[in-house]
Amino acid sequence: MSGHLTIGVPRPTLVGRRTSGRRPELSEENAAAATSDTEDSVLLFVGGPLDGRVQIREARHGEPLPTVTHVHLHGGPKVVHRYDLEPLSDGVGVYNLRRPARRPAHDESVAD
C-alpha cells in the first residue's frame, strides 16, 4: 500500500478534488491535479469510530474545518472523539484522531 509514513505507520492518501458526478480516486500520481478553489475537497478519517471514512466537502462550504468533533450517543455516557486536520496537498487532507488528554483518576490525591 502506498502512502505517507508517520511514526512507522503507513497512511493512505486521497488524491485530488472531486467535481460533481465523479468519485475520488485513491492514488498518489494525481496529487498535484487539484488546483481550482471551486472544486470539492477529499478528506479521510484515520482512527477512532470514523476510521476509514471518506468525506467529500463541497467547495460551497469553504475550506475544511481544522478540527472535527464526533459525539457518539448511546445508552451509556456520551463518547467524544476529536479529529485534527492534516492537509496533504491542495484539496486533500487526513483527519487524524486526537489522543485523549490524560485526566487524573478519581482516587489520585493532589498534594496541598
PDB file of N, CA and C in Angstrom:
ATOM      1  N   MET A   1       0.848  -1.168   0.000  1.00  0.00           N
ATOM      2  CA  MET A   1       0.000   0.000   0.000  1.00  0.00           C
ATOM      3  C   MET A   1       0.890   1.225   0.000  1.00  0.00           C
ATOM      4  N   SER A   2       0.644   2.151  -0.881  1.00  0.00           N
ATOM      5  CA  SER A   2       1.429   3.372  -0.912  1.00  0.00           C
ATOM      6  C   SER A   2       0.818   4.392   0.024  1.00  0.00           C
ATOM      7  N   GLY A   3       1.625   5.279   0.555  1.00  0.00           N
ATOM      8  CA  GLY A   3       1.111   6.312   1.444  1.00  0.00           C
ATOM      9  C   GLY A   3       2.232   7.008   2.166  1.00  0.00           C
ATOM     10  N   HIS A   4       1.895   7.959   2.978  1.00  0.00           N
ATOM     11  CA  HIS A   4       2.861   8.688   3.777  1.00  0.00           C
ATOM     12  C   HIS A   4       3.124   7.901   5.046  1.00  0.00           C
ATOM     13  N   LEU A   5       4.346   7.974   5.538  1.00  0.00           N
ATOM     14  CA  LEU A   5       4.679   7.261   6.765  1.00  0.00           C
ATOM     15  C   LEU A   5       4.816   8.254   7.904  1.00  0.00           C
ATOM     16  N   THR A   6       4.174   7.959   9.004  1.00  0.00           N
ATOM     17  CA  THR A   6       4.290   8.756  10.202  1.00  0.00           C
ATOM     18  C   THR A   6       4.467   7.793  11.357  1.00  0.00           C
ATOM     19  N   ILE A   7       5.560   7.909  12.056  1.00  0.00           N
ATOM     20  CA  ILE A   7       5.894   7.035  13.180  1.00  0.00           C
ATOM     21  C   ILE A   7       5.769   5.569  12.762  1.00  0.00           C
ATOM     22  N   GLY A   8       6.260   5.262  11.578  1.00  0.00           N
ATOM     23  CA  GLY A   8       6.283   3.885  11.110  1.00  0.00           C
ATOM     24  C   GLY A   8       4.944   3.305  10.702  1.00  0.00           C
ATOM     25  N   VAL A   9       3.893   4.128  10.647  1.00  0.00           N
ATOM     26  CA  VAL A   9       2.565   3.636  10.289  1.00  0.00           C
ATOM     27  C   VAL A   9       2.209   4.156   8.904  1.00  0.00           C
ATOM     28  N   PRO A  10       1.904   3.273   7.937  1.00  0.00           N
ATOM     29  CA  PRO A  10       1.518   3.757   6.609  1.00  0.00           C
ATOM     30  C   PRO A  10       0.169   4.461   6.664  1.00  0.00           C
ATOM     31  N   ARG A  11       0.085   5.588   6.012  1.00  0.00           N
ATOM     32  CA  ARG A  11      -1.146   6.359   5.960  1.00  0.00           C
ATOM     33  C   ARG A  11      -1.642   6.395   4.525  1.00  0.00           C
ATOM     34  N   PRO A  12      -2.887   6.036   4.287  1.00  0.00           N
ATOM     35  CA  PRO A  12      -3.423   6.137   2.929  1.00  0.00           C
ATOM     36  C   PRO A  12      -3.589   7.601   2.558  1.00  0.00           C
ATOM     37  N   THR A  13      -3.446   7.896   1.292  1.00  0.00           N
ATOM     38  CA  THR A  13      -3.658   9.259   0.825  1.00  0.00           C
ATOM     39  C   THR A  13      -4.760   9.268  -0.214  1.00  0.00           C
ATOM     40  N   LEU A  14      -5.489  10.340  -0.241  1.00  0.00           N
ATOM     41  CA  LEU A  14      -6.517  10.537  -1.241  1.00  0.00           C
ATOM     42  C   LEU A  14      -6.023  11.596  -2.196  1.00  0.00           C
ATOM     43  N   VAL A  15      -6.367  11.461  -3.455  1.00  0.00           N
ATOM     44  CA  VAL A  15      -5.813  12.350  -4.450  1.00  0.00           C
ATOM     45  C   VAL A  15      -6.870  13.224  -5.070  1.00  0.00           C
ATOM     46  N   GLY A  16      -6.498  14.462  -5.209  1.00  0.00           N
ATOM     47  CA  GLY A  16      -7.286  15.405  -5.969  1.00  0.00           C
ATOM     48  C   GLY A  16      -8.570  15.807  -5.302  1.00  0.00           C
ATOM     49  N   ARG A  17      -9.293  16.589  -6.022  1.00  0.00           N
ATOM     50  CA  ARG A  17     -10.591  17.039  -5.578  1.00  0.00           C
ATOM     51  C   ARG A  17     -11.630  16.407  -6.465  1.00  0.00           C
ATOM     52  N   ARG A  18     -12.824  16.452  -6.016  1.00  0.00           N
ATOM     53  CA  ARG A  18     -13.905  15.823  -6.748  1.00  0.00           C
ATOM     54  C   ARG A  18     -14.756  16.906  -7.396  1.00  0.00           C
ATOM     55  N   THR A  19     -15.172  16.653  -8.602  1.00  0.00           N
ATOM     56  CA  THR A  19     -16.154  17.515  -9.235  1.00  0.00           C
ATOM     57  C   THR A  19     -17.445  16.740  -9.283  1.00  0.00           C
ATOM     58  N   SER A  20     -18.552  17.415  -9.394  1.00  0.00           N
ATOM     59  CA  SER A  20     -19.862  16.762  -9.334  1.00  0.00           C
ATOM     60  C   SER A  20     -19.931  15.568 -10.261  1.00  0.00           C
ATOM     61  N   GLY A  21     -20.486  14.471  -9.729  1.00  0.00           N
ATOM     62  CA  GLY A  21     -20.713  13.280 -10.535  1.00  0.00           C
ATOM     63  C   GLY A  21     -19.546  12.316 -10.600  1.00  0.00           C
ATOM     64  N   ARG A  22     -18.368  12.684 -10.105  1.00  0.00           N
ATOM     65  CA  ARG A  22     -17.217  11.783 -10.152  1.00  0.00           C
ATOM     66  C   ARG A  22     -16.827  11.371  -8.751  1.00  0.00           C
ATOM     67  N   ARG A  23     -16.335  10.156  -8.617  1.00  0.00           N
ATOM     68  CA  ARG A  23     -15.891   9.651  -7.318  1.00  0.00           C
ATOM     69  C   ARG A  23     -14.409   9.948  -7.143  1.00  0.00           C
ATOM     70  N   PRO A  24     -13.925  10.168  -5.899  1.00  0.00           N
ATOM     71  CA  PRO A  24     -12.499  10.409  -5.664  1.00  0.00           C
ATOM     72  C   PRO A  24     -11.694   9.152  -5.951  1.00  0.00           C
ATOM     73  N   GLU A  25     -10.429   9.344  -6.320  1.00  0.00           N
ATOM     74  CA  GLU A  25      -9.545   8.228  -6.608  1.00  0.00           C
ATOM     75  C   GLU A  25      -8.510   8.104  -5.500  1.00  0.00           C
ATOM     76  N   LEU A  26      -8.131   6.877  -5.172  1.00  0.00           N
ATOM     77  CA  LEU A  26      -7.056   6.634  -4.223  1.00  0.00           C
ATOM     78  C   LEU A  26      -5.781   6.426  -5.024  1.00  0.00           C
ATOM     79  N   SER A  27      -4.910   7.424  -4.999  1.00  0.00           N
ATOM     80  CA  SER A  27      -3.695   7.368  -5.792  1.00  0.00           C
ATOM     81  C   SER A  27      -2.778   8.491  -5.372  1.00  0.00           C
ATOM     82  N   GLU A  28      -1.475   8.362  -5.654  1.00  0.00           N
ATOM     83  CA  GLU A  28      -0.545   9.456  -5.379  1.00  0.00           C
ATOM     84  C   GLU A  28      -0.151  10.173  -6.654  1.00  0.00           C
ATOM     85  N   GLU A  29      -0.348   9.557  -7.793  1.00  0.00           N
ATOM     86  CA  GLU A  29       0.120  10.112  -9.047  1.00  0.00           C
ATOM     87  C   GLU A  29      -0.571  11.428  -9.409  1.00  0.00           C
ATOM     88  N   ASN A  30      -1.831  11.594  -9.014  1.00  0.00           N
ATOM     89  CA  ASN A  30      -2.579  12.778  -9.405  1.00  0.00           C
ATOM     90  C   ASN A  30      -2.658  13.826  -8.306  1.00  0.00           C
ATOM     91  N   ALA A  31      -1.764  13.774  -7.319  1.00  0.00           N
ATOM     92  CA  ALA A  31      -1.843  14.677  -6.164  1.00  0.00           C
ATOM     93  C   ALA A  31      -1.778  16.139  -6.542  1.00  0.00           C
ATOM     94  N   ALA A  32      -1.053  16.488  -7.583  1.00  0.00           N
ATOM     95  CA  ALA A  32      -0.926  17.884  -7.976  1.00  0.00           C
ATOM     96  C   ALA A  32      -2.060  18.337  -8.881  1.00  0.00           C
ATOM     97  N   ALA A  33      -2.983  17.466  -9.206  1.00  0.00           N
ATOM     98  CA  ALA A  33      -4.050  17.797 -10.152  1.00  0.00           C
ATOM     99  C   ALA A  33      -5.058  18.788  -9.587  1.00  0.00           C
ATOM    100  N   ALA A  34      -5.214  18.859  -8.284  1.00  0.00           N
ATOM    101  CA  ALA A  34      -6.209  19.748  -7.675  1.00  0.00           C
ATOM    102  C   ALA A  34      -5.652  21.160  -7.581  1.00  0.00           C
ATOM    103  N   THR A  35      -6.174  22.061  -8.387  1.00  0.00           N
ATOM    104  CA  THR A  35      -5.661  23.427  -8.374  1.00  0.00           C
ATOM    105  C   THR A  35      -6.758  24.462  -8.271  1.00  0.00           C
ATOM    106  N   SER A  36      -7.985  24.119  -8.537  1.00  0.00           N
ATOM    107  CA  SER A  36      -9.068  25.089  -8.553  1.00  0.00           C
ATOM    108  C   SER A  36      -9.750  25.172  -7.202  1.00  0.00           C
ATOM    109  N   ASP A  37     -10.051  26.411  -6.761  1.00  0.00           N
ATOM    110  CA  ASP A  37     -10.747  26.598  -5.495  1.00  0.00           C
ATOM    111  C   ASP A  37     -12.235  26.329  -5.612  1.00  0.00           C
ATOM    112  N   THR A  38     -12.721  26.017  -6.797  1.00  0.00           N
ATOM    113  CA  THR A  38     -14.142  25.755  -6.995  1.00  0.00           C
ATOM    114  C   THR A  38     -14.445  24.271  -6.969  1.00  0.00           C
ATOM    115  N   GLU A  39     -13.473  23.451  -6.635  1.00  0.00           N
ATOM    116  CA  GLU A  39     -13.687  22.009  -6.592  1.00  0.00           C
ATOM    117  C   GLU A  39     -13.805  21.539  -5.151  1.00  0.00           C
ATOM    118  N   ASP A  40     -14.410  20.383  -4.968  1.00  0.00           N
ATOM    119  CA  ASP A  40     -14.639  19.805  -3.647  1.00  0.00           C
ATOM    120  C   ASP A  40     -13.346  19.254  -3.059  1.00  0.00           C
ATOM    121  N   SER A  41     -13.272  19.207  -1.727  1.00  0.00           N
ATOM    122  CA  SER A  41     -12.124  18.629  -1.034  1.00  0.00           C
ATOM    123  C   SER A  41     -12.413  17.179  -0.680  1.00  0.00           C
ATOM    124  N   VAL A  42     -11.380  16.351  -0.717  1.00  0.00           N
ATOM    125  CA  VAL A  42     -11.484  14.942  -0.364  1.00  0.00           C
ATOM    126  C   VAL A  42     -10.746  14.741   0.952  1.00  0.00           C
ATOM    127  N   LEU A  43     -11.453  14.200   1.954  1.00  0.00           N
ATOM    128  CA  LEU A  43     -10.900  14.061   3.300  1.00  0.00           C
ATOM    129  C   LEU A  43     -11.047  12.629   3.788  1.00  0.00           C
ATOM    130  N   LEU A  44     -10.034  12.122   4.478  1.00  0.00           N
ATOM    131  CA  LEU A  44     -10.040  10.765   5.014  1.00  0.00           C
ATOM    132  C   LEU A  44      -9.888  10.833   6.524  1.00  0.00           C
ATOM    133  N   PHE A  45     -10.659  10.017   7.249  1.00  0.00           N
ATOM    134  CA  PHE A  45     -10.566   9.941   8.707  1.00  0.00           C
ATOM    135  C   PHE A  45      -9.720   8.728   9.081  1.00  0.00           C
ATOM    136  N   VAL A  46      -8.782   8.921  10.030  1.00  0.00           N
ATOM    137  CA  VAL A  46      -7.893   7.845  10.476  1.00  0.00           C
ATOM    138  C   VAL A  46      -8.025   7.706  11.985  1.00  0.00           C
ATOM    139  N   GLY A  47      -8.398   6.517  12.446  1.00  0.00           N
ATOM    140  CA  GLY A  47      -8.513   6.221  13.865  1.00  0.00           C
ATOM    141  C   GLY A  47      -9.924   6.424  14.386  1.00  0.00           C
ATOM    142  N   GLY A  48     -10.185   5.855  15.553  1.00  0.00           N
ATOM    143  CA  GLY A  48     -11.469   6.024  16.220  1.00  0.00           C
ATOM    144  C   GLY A  48     -12.647   5.446  15.460  1.00  0.00           C
ATOM    145  N   PRO A  49     -13.847   5.873  15.819  1.00  0.00           N
ATOM    146  CA  PRO A  49     -15.051   5.307  15.217  1.00  0.00           C
ATOM    147  C   PRO A  49     -15.260   5.688  13.756  1.00  0.00           C
ATOM    148  N   LEU A  50     -14.600   6.727  13.281  1.00  0.00           N
ATOM    149  CA  LEU A  50     -14.748   7.148  11.884  1.00  0.00           C
ATOM    150  C   LEU A  50     -13.631   6.623  10.991  1.00  0.00           C
ATOM    151  N   ASP A  51     -12.789   5.725  11.511  1.00  0.00           N
ATOM    152  CA  ASP A  51     -11.634   5.217  10.774  1.00  0.00           C
ATOM    153  C   ASP A  51     -12.026   4.693   9.396  1.00  0.00           C
ATOM    154  N   GLY A  52     -11.341   5.192   8.385  1.00  0.00           N
ATOM    155  CA  GLY A  52     -11.587   4.747   7.013  1.00  0.00           C
ATOM    156  C   GLY A  52     -12.668   5.518   6.291  1.00  0.00           C
ATOM    157  N   ARG A  53     -13.400   6.362   6.975  1.00  0.00           N
ATOM    158  CA  ARG A  53     -14.472   7.130   6.331  1.00  0.00           C
ATOM    159  C   ARG A  53     -13.874   8.196   5.422  1.00  0.00           C
ATOM    160  N   VAL A  54     -14.425   8.316   4.232  1.00  0.00           N
ATOM    161  CA  VAL A  54     -14.029   9.350   3.280  1.00  0.00           C
ATOM    162  C   VAL A  54     -15.156  10.365   3.205  1.00  0.00           C
ATOM    163  N   GLN A  55     -14.798  11.637   3.340  1.00  0.00           N
ATOM    164  CA  GLN A  55     -15.793  12.708   3.269  1.00  0.00           C
ATOM    165  C   GLN A  55     -15.448  13.610   2.094  1.00  0.00           C
ATOM    166  N   ILE A  56     -16.458  13.945   1.318  1.00  0.00           N
ATOM    167  CA  ILE A  56     -16.308  14.919   0.249  1.00  0.00           C
ATOM    168  C   ILE A  56     -16.911  16.225   0.754  1.00  0.00           C
ATOM    169  N   ARG A  57     -16.078  17.232   0.925  1.00  0.00           N
ATOM    170  CA  ARG A  57     -16.568  18.541   1.384  1.00  0.00           C
ATOM    171  C   ARG A  57     -16.744  19.420   0.158  1.00  0.00           C
ATOM    172  N   GLU A  58     -17.990  19.776  -0.108  1.00  0.00           N
ATOM    173  CA  GLU A  58     -18.296  20.584  -1.278  1.00  0.00           C
ATOM    174  C   GLU A  58     -17.656  21.960  -1.159  1.00  0.00           C
ATOM    175  N   ALA A  59     -17.184  22.492  -2.275  1.00  0.00           N
ATOM    176  CA  ALA A  59     -16.496  23.781  -2.294  1.00  0.00           C
ATOM    177  C   ALA A  59     -17.365  24.898  -1.744  1.00  0.00           C
ATOM    178  N   ARG A  60     -18.677  24.802  -1.918  1.00  0.00           N
ATOM    179  CA  ARG A  60     -19.572  25.872  -1.460  1.00  0.00           C
ATOM    180  C   ARG A  60     -19.560  26.008   0.065  1.00  0.00           C
ATOM    181  N   HIS A  61     -19.056  24.991   0.781  1.00  0.00           N
ATOM    182  CA  HIS A  61     -18.962  25.041   2.241  1.00  0.00           C
ATOM    183  C   HIS A  61     -17.646  25.651   2.718  1.00  0.00           C
ATOM    184  N   GLY A  62     -16.753  26.002   1.816  1.00  0.00           N
ATOM    185  CA  GLY A  62     -15.473  26.604   2.180  1.00  0.00           C
ATOM    186  C   GLY A  62     -14.420  25.567   2.523  1.00  0.00           C
ATOM    187  N   GLU A  63     -13.358  26.050   3.121  1.00  0.00           N
ATOM    188  CA  GLU A  63     -12.235  25.184   3.486  1.00  0.00           C
ATOM    189  C   GLU A  63     -12.644  24.199   4.572  1.00  0.00           C
ATOM    190  N   PRO A  64     -12.013  23.025   4.626  1.00  0.00           N
ATOM    191  CA  PRO A  64     -12.306  22.060   5.699  1.00  0.00           C
ATOM    192  C   PRO A  64     -11.973  22.643   7.069  1.00  0.00           C
ATOM    193  N   LEU A  65     -12.721  22.232   8.072  1.00  0.00           N
ATOM    194  CA  LEU A  65     -12.512  22.698   9.436  1.00  0.00           C
ATOM    195  C   LEU A  65     -11.200  22.139   9.991  1.00  0.00           C
ATOM    196  N   PRO A  66     -10.476  22.890  10.819  1.00  0.00           N
ATOM    197  CA  PRO A  66      -9.216  22.382  11.371  1.00  0.00           C
ATOM    198  C   PRO A  66      -9.418  21.244  12.374  1.00  0.00           C
ATOM    199  N   THR A  67     -10.580  21.209  13.036  1.00  0.00           N
ATOM    200  CA  THR A  67     -10.894  20.144  13.989  1.00  0.00           C
ATOM    201  C   THR A  67     -12.353  19.737  13.817  1.00  0.00           C
ATOM    202  N   VAL A  68     -12.607  18.437  13.836  1.00  0.00           N
ATOM    203  CA  VAL A  68     -13.959  17.897  13.754  1.00  0.00           C
ATOM    204  C   VAL A  68     -14.214  17.125  15.041  1.00  0.00           C
ATOM    205  N   THR A  69     -15.370  17.353  15.652  1.00  0.00           N
ATOM    206  CA  THR A  69     -15.752  16.638  16.866  1.00  0.00           C
ATOM    207  C   THR A  69     -16.857  15.646  16.532  1.00  0.00           C
ATOM    208  N   HIS A  70     -16.669  14.393  16.918  1.00  0.00           N
ATOM    209  CA  HIS A  70     -17.658  13.343  16.707  1.00  0.00           C
ATOM    210  C   HIS A  70     -18.182  12.916  18.070  1.00  0.00           C
ATOM    211  N   VAL A  71     -19.489  13.040  18.287  1.00  0.00           N
ATOM    212  CA  VAL A  71     -20.099  12.668  19.561  1.00  0.00           C
ATOM    213  C   VAL A  71     -20.977  11.447  19.330  1.00  0.00           C
ATOM    214  N   HIS A  72     -20.704  10.383  20.086  1.00  0.00           N
ATOM    215  CA  HIS A  72     -21.476   9.146  19.971  1.00  0.00           C
ATOM    216  C   HIS A  72     -22.415   9.067  21.163  1.00  0.00           C
ATOM    217  N   LEU A  73     -23.716   9.084  20.884  1.00  0.00           N
ATOM    218  CA  LEU A  73     -24.717   8.976  21.941  1.00  0.00           C
ATOM    219  C   LEU A  73     -25.297   7.569  21.930  1.00  0.00           C
ATOM    220  N   HIS A  74     -25.383   6.959  23.076  1.00  0.00           N
ATOM    221  CA  HIS A  74     -25.941   5.608  23.204  1.00  0.00           C
ATOM    222  C   HIS A  74     -26.519   5.499  24.603  1.00  0.00           C
ATOM    223  N   GLY A  75     -26.836   4.302  25.049  1.00  0.00           N
ATOM    224  CA  GLY A  75     -27.447   4.107  26.352  1.00  0.00           C
ATOM    225  C   GLY A  75     -26.578   4.538  27.518  1.00  0.00           C
ATOM    226  N   GLY A  76     -25.275   4.550  27.337  1.00  0.00           N
ATOM    227  CA  GLY A  76     -24.358   4.942  28.413  1.00  0.00           C
ATOM    228  C   GLY A  76     -23.954   6.395  28.277  1.00  0.00           C
ATOM    229  N   PRO A  77     -22.794   6.742  28.825  1.00  0.00           N
ATOM    230  CA  PRO A  77     -22.324   8.125  28.725  1.00  0.00           C
ATOM    231  C   PRO A  77     -21.945   8.474  27.286  1.00  0.00           C
ATOM    232  N   LYS A  78     -22.033   9.769  26.952  1.00  0.00           N
ATOM    233  CA  LYS A  78     -21.652  10.156  25.596  1.00  0.00           C
ATOM    234  C   LYS A  78     -20.145  10.028  25.437  1.00  0.00           C
ATOM    235  N   VAL A  79     -19.726   9.648  24.236  1.00  0.00           N
ATOM    236  CA  VAL A  79     -18.317   9.457  23.939  1.00  0.00           C
ATOM    237  C   VAL A  79     -17.927  10.491  22.887  1.00  0.00           C
ATOM    238  N   VAL A  80     -16.895  11.290  23.187  1.00  0.00           N
ATOM    239  CA  VAL A  80     -16.470  12.366  22.294  1.00  0.00           C
ATOM    240  C   VAL A  80     -15.095  12.040  21.723  1.00  0.00           C
ATOM    241  N   HIS A  81     -14.967  12.137  20.391  1.00  0.00           N
ATOM    242  CA  HIS A  81     -13.681  11.972  19.714  1.00  0.00           C
ATOM    243  C   HIS A  81     -13.422  13.245  18.913  1.00  0.00           C
ATOM    244  N   ARG A  82     -12.170  13.693  18.914  1.00  0.00           N
ATOM    245  CA  ARG A  82     -11.794  14.866  18.116  1.00  0.00           C
ATOM    246  C   ARG A  82     -10.767  14.454  17.079  1.00  0.00           C
ATOM    247  N   TYR A  83     -10.935  14.997  15.879  1.00  0.00           N
ATOM    248  CA  TYR A  83     -10.041  14.719  14.765  1.00  0.00           C
ATOM    249  C   TYR A  83      -9.417  16.032  14.312  1.00  0.00           C
ATOM    250  N   ASP A  84      -8.094  16.045  14.136  1.00  0.00           N
ATOM    251  CA  ASP A  84      -7.379  17.229  13.675  1.00  0.00           C
ATOM    252  C   ASP A  84      -6.968  17.046  12.224  1.00  0.00           C
ATOM    253  N   LEU A  85      -7.159  18.103  11.430  1.00  0.00           N
ATOM    254  CA  LEU A  85      -6.867  18.064  10.002  1.00  0.00           C
ATOM    255  C   LEU A  85      -5.375  18.160   9.735  1.00  0.00           C
ATOM    256  N   GLU A  86      -4.882  17.274   8.900  1.00  0.00           N
ATOM    257  CA  GLU A  86      -3.511  17.324   8.403  1.00  0.00           C
ATOM    258  C   GLU A  86      -3.596  17.470   6.886  1.00  0.00           C
ATOM    259  N   PRO A  87      -3.434  18.696   6.361  1.00  0.00           N
ATOM    260  CA  PRO A  87      -3.509  18.878   4.909  1.00  0.00           C
ATOM    261  C   PRO A  87      -2.349  18.157   4.227  1.00  0.00           C
ATOM    262  N   LEU A  88      -2.651  17.437   3.155  1.00  0.00           N
ATOM    263  CA  LEU A  88      -1.606  16.739   2.406  1.00  0.00           C
ATOM    264  C   LEU A  88      -1.211  17.517   1.162  1.00  0.00           C
ATOM    265  N   SER A  89      -2.181  18.074   0.483  1.00  0.00           N
ATOM    266  CA  SER A  89      -1.966  18.935  -0.672  1.00  0.00           C
ATOM    267  C   SER A  89      -3.238  19.740  -0.858  1.00  0.00           C
ATOM    268  N   ASP A  90      -3.284  20.583  -1.843  1.00  0.00           N
ATOM    269  CA  ASP A  90      -4.457  21.421  -2.073  1.00  0.00           C
ATOM    270  C   ASP A  90      -5.674  20.538  -2.328  1.00  0.00           C
ATOM    271  N   GLY A  91      -6.668  20.646  -1.456  1.00  0.00           N
ATOM    272  CA  GLY A  91      -7.905  19.895  -1.623  1.00  0.00           C
ATOM    273  C   GLY A  91      -7.881  18.475  -1.107  1.00  0.00           C
ATOM    274  N   VAL A  92      -6.791  18.074  -0.464  1.00  0.00           N
ATOM    275  CA  VAL A  92      -6.670  16.713   0.040  1.00  0.00           C
ATOM    276  C   VAL A  92      -6.160  16.782   1.478  1.00  0.00           C
ATOM    277  N   GLY A  93      -6.807  16.028   2.380  1.00  0.00           N
ATOM    278  CA  GLY A  93      -6.358  16.041   3.759  1.00  0.00           C
ATOM    279  C   GLY A  93      -6.769  14.797   4.513  1.00  0.00           C
ATOM    280  N   VAL A  94      -6.149  14.617   5.664  1.00  0.00           N
ATOM    281  CA  VAL A  94      -6.442  13.491   6.538  1.00  0.00           C
ATOM    282  C   VAL A  94      -6.819  14.052   7.902  1.00  0.00           C
ATOM    283  N   TYR A  95      -7.950  13.578   8.446  1.00  0.00           N
ATOM    284  CA  TYR A  95      -8.326  13.902   9.816  1.00  0.00           C
ATOM    285  C   TYR A  95      -7.802  12.788  10.707  1.00  0.00           C
ATOM    286  N   ASN A  96      -6.842  13.109  11.577  1.00  0.00           N
ATOM    287  CA  ASN A  96      -6.253  12.132  12.494  1.00  0.00           C
ATOM    288  C   ASN A  96      -6.924  12.235  13.851  1.00  0.00           C
ATOM    289  N   LEU A  97      -7.213  11.083  14.447  1.00  0.00           N
ATOM    290  CA  LEU A  97      -7.811  11.042  15.774  1.00  0.00           C
ATOM    291  C   LEU A  97      -6.861  11.688  16.772  1.00  0.00           C
ATOM    292  N   ARG A  98      -7.362  12.628  17.565  1.00  0.00           N
ATOM    293  CA  ARG A  98      -6.566  13.284  18.602  1.00  0.00           C
ATOM    294  C   ARG A  98      -6.494  12.345  19.804  1.00  0.00           C
ATOM    295  N   ARG A  99      -5.316  12.223  20.363  1.00  0.00           N
ATOM    296  CA  ARG A  99      -5.161  11.398  21.561  1.00  0.00           C
ATOM    297  C   ARG A  99      -5.883  12.064  22.718  1.00  0.00           C
ATOM    298  N   PRO A 100      -6.544  11.283  23.554  1.00  0.00           N
ATOM    299  CA  PRO A 100      -7.263  11.886  24.687  1.00  0.00           C
ATOM    300  C   PRO A 100      -6.293  12.513  25.681  1.00  0.00           C
ATOM    301  N   ALA A 101      -6.736  13.596  26.292  1.00  0.00           N
ATOM    302  CA  ALA A 101      -5.928  14.245  27.321  1.00  0.00           C
ATOM    303  C   ALA A 101      -5.929  13.367  28.563  1.00  0.00           C
ATOM    304  N   ARG A 102      -4.799  13.277  29.235  1.00  0.00           N
ATOM    305  CA  ARG A 102      -4.716  12.454  30.444  1.00  0.00           C
ATOM    306  C   ARG A 102      -5.412  13.196  31.571  1.00  0.00           C
ATOM    307  N   ARG A 103      -6.344  12.511  32.191  1.00  0.00           N
ATOM    308  CA  ARG A 103      -7.055  13.073  33.327  1.00  0.00           C
ATOM    309  C   ARG A 103      -6.694  12.286  34.567  1.00  0.00           C
ATOM    310  N   PRO A 104      -6.512  12.966  35.708  1.00  0.00           N
ATOM    311  CA  PRO A 104      -6.186  12.217  36.925  1.00  0.00           C
ATOM    312  C   PRO A 104      -7.360  11.322  37.331  1.00  0.00           C
ATOM    313  N   ALA A 105      -7.031  10.150  37.828  1.00  0.00           N
ATOM    314  CA  ALA A 105      -8.063   9.230  38.306  1.00  0.00           C
ATOM    315  C   ALA A 105      -8.732   9.828  39.528  1.00  0.00           C
ATOM    316  N   HIS A 106      -9.948   9.420  39.795  1.00  0.00           N
ATOM    317  CA  HIS A 106     -10.701   9.953  40.930  1.00  0.00           C
ATOM    318  C   HIS A 106     -10.011   9.688  42.266  1.00  0.00           C
ATOM    319  N   ASP A 107      -9.216   8.610  42.363  1.00  0.00           N
ATOM    320  CA  ASP A 107      -8.589   8.280  43.631  1.00  0.00           C
ATOM    321  C   ASP A 107      -7.218   8.924  43.819  1.00  0.00           C
ATOM    322  N   GLU A 108      -6.722   9.639  42.770  1.00  0.00           N
ATOM    323  CA  GLU A 108      -5.452  10.321  42.917  1.00  0.00           C
ATOM    324  C   GLU A 108      -5.649  11.597  43.744  1.00  0.00           C
ATOM    325  N   SER A 109      -4.809  11.771  44.734  1.00  0.00           N
ATOM    326  CA  SER A 109      -4.930  12.981  45.552  1.00  0.00           C
ATOM    327  C   SER A 109      -3.903  14.012  45.108  1.00  0.00           C
ATOM    328  N   VAL A 110      -4.238  15.254  45.324  1.00  0.00           N
ATOM    329  CA  VAL A 110      -3.365  16.359  44.951  1.00  0.00           C
ATOM    330  C   VAL A 110      -2.667  16.846  46.219  1.00  0.00           C
ATOM    331  N   ALA A 111      -1.353  16.984  46.156  1.00  0.00           N
ATOM    332  CA  ALA A 111      -0.606  17.456  47.322  1.00  0.00           C
ATOM    333  C   ALA A 111      -0.960  18.906  47.615  1.00  0.00           C
ATOM    334  N   ASP A 112      -1.166  19.209  48.885  1.00  0.00           N
ATOM    335  CA  ASP A 112      -1.502  20.580  49.284  1.00  0.00           C
ATOM    336  C   ASP A 112      -0.284  21.416  49.504  1.00  0.00           C
TER     337      ASP A 112
END
